[in-house]
Amino acid sequence: MFTVYIVLLIVGAGIALLSLAGDAFGGGDLDAEALVGGGAAAGGGSGGWWEAFSLLSLVYAALGAGLAGTVLHLMWGDARPGLTGILAGGTGLACGVLANAAVVFLRRSGSGETVGESSFEGLVGQVTLPIRDGVPGKIRVLRGSRSHVLRALPYGMSPEAAEPGAWTRVVVVQVREGVAYVAPAGPELDALHS
């Protein structure tokens, strides 16, 4: 059994270390759906019992069982193989369940989600580089505690008719492919609708 514990420890620790190295050095990660349980990770599933068999859970179960089995075998030798196997299996199961529970909790709480382009819509921005002759200008918007600079074009009108070169404050109406489509804020917006 000692060989089985060593193999589980090497496989579990090896994959966990490779994943950690990929995160630390900016390398690619394994497919997120495979790591956290298929369709539920992508919003397509209900998160059923089969999530317990995700790659992440299996890796941590192997790591936990291998580590516990190796340590207990080194402490007790061949004196208690049955108890060592039961404790190693229980530890592995607990590690897999805890890893899965942590991922499910983080996914449901929205932790780590990236904010999309739509989060800029409705924000008021300051024009930093005027929009001229259909050439995108730049605006600075404050989202949360961070200031962001976006390329900007006028929304729903030709630049010639809208005179965007005179705009100083704008409202972000839509963002597509990194370009904010804006309308004048304040009195300019009222004058545009009259």
Foldseek 3Di string as FASTA:
>chain_A
DLVLLQVLQCQLVVVVVVQVVCVVVVHDHPDPCQQQPHPVLVVRDDPDPNSLVGPVLQSQLSNQLSVQLNVVCVVQPPPCPPVSNVVSNVRSSVRSVVRNVVVVVCSVVVPPDDDDQCQQAFFKWFFPFFCPQNFWGWTWTDDPNDIDIATEDAPPDGCVVLVRRPAGMWGFHGADPRYTHTAGDDPSNVVVVD
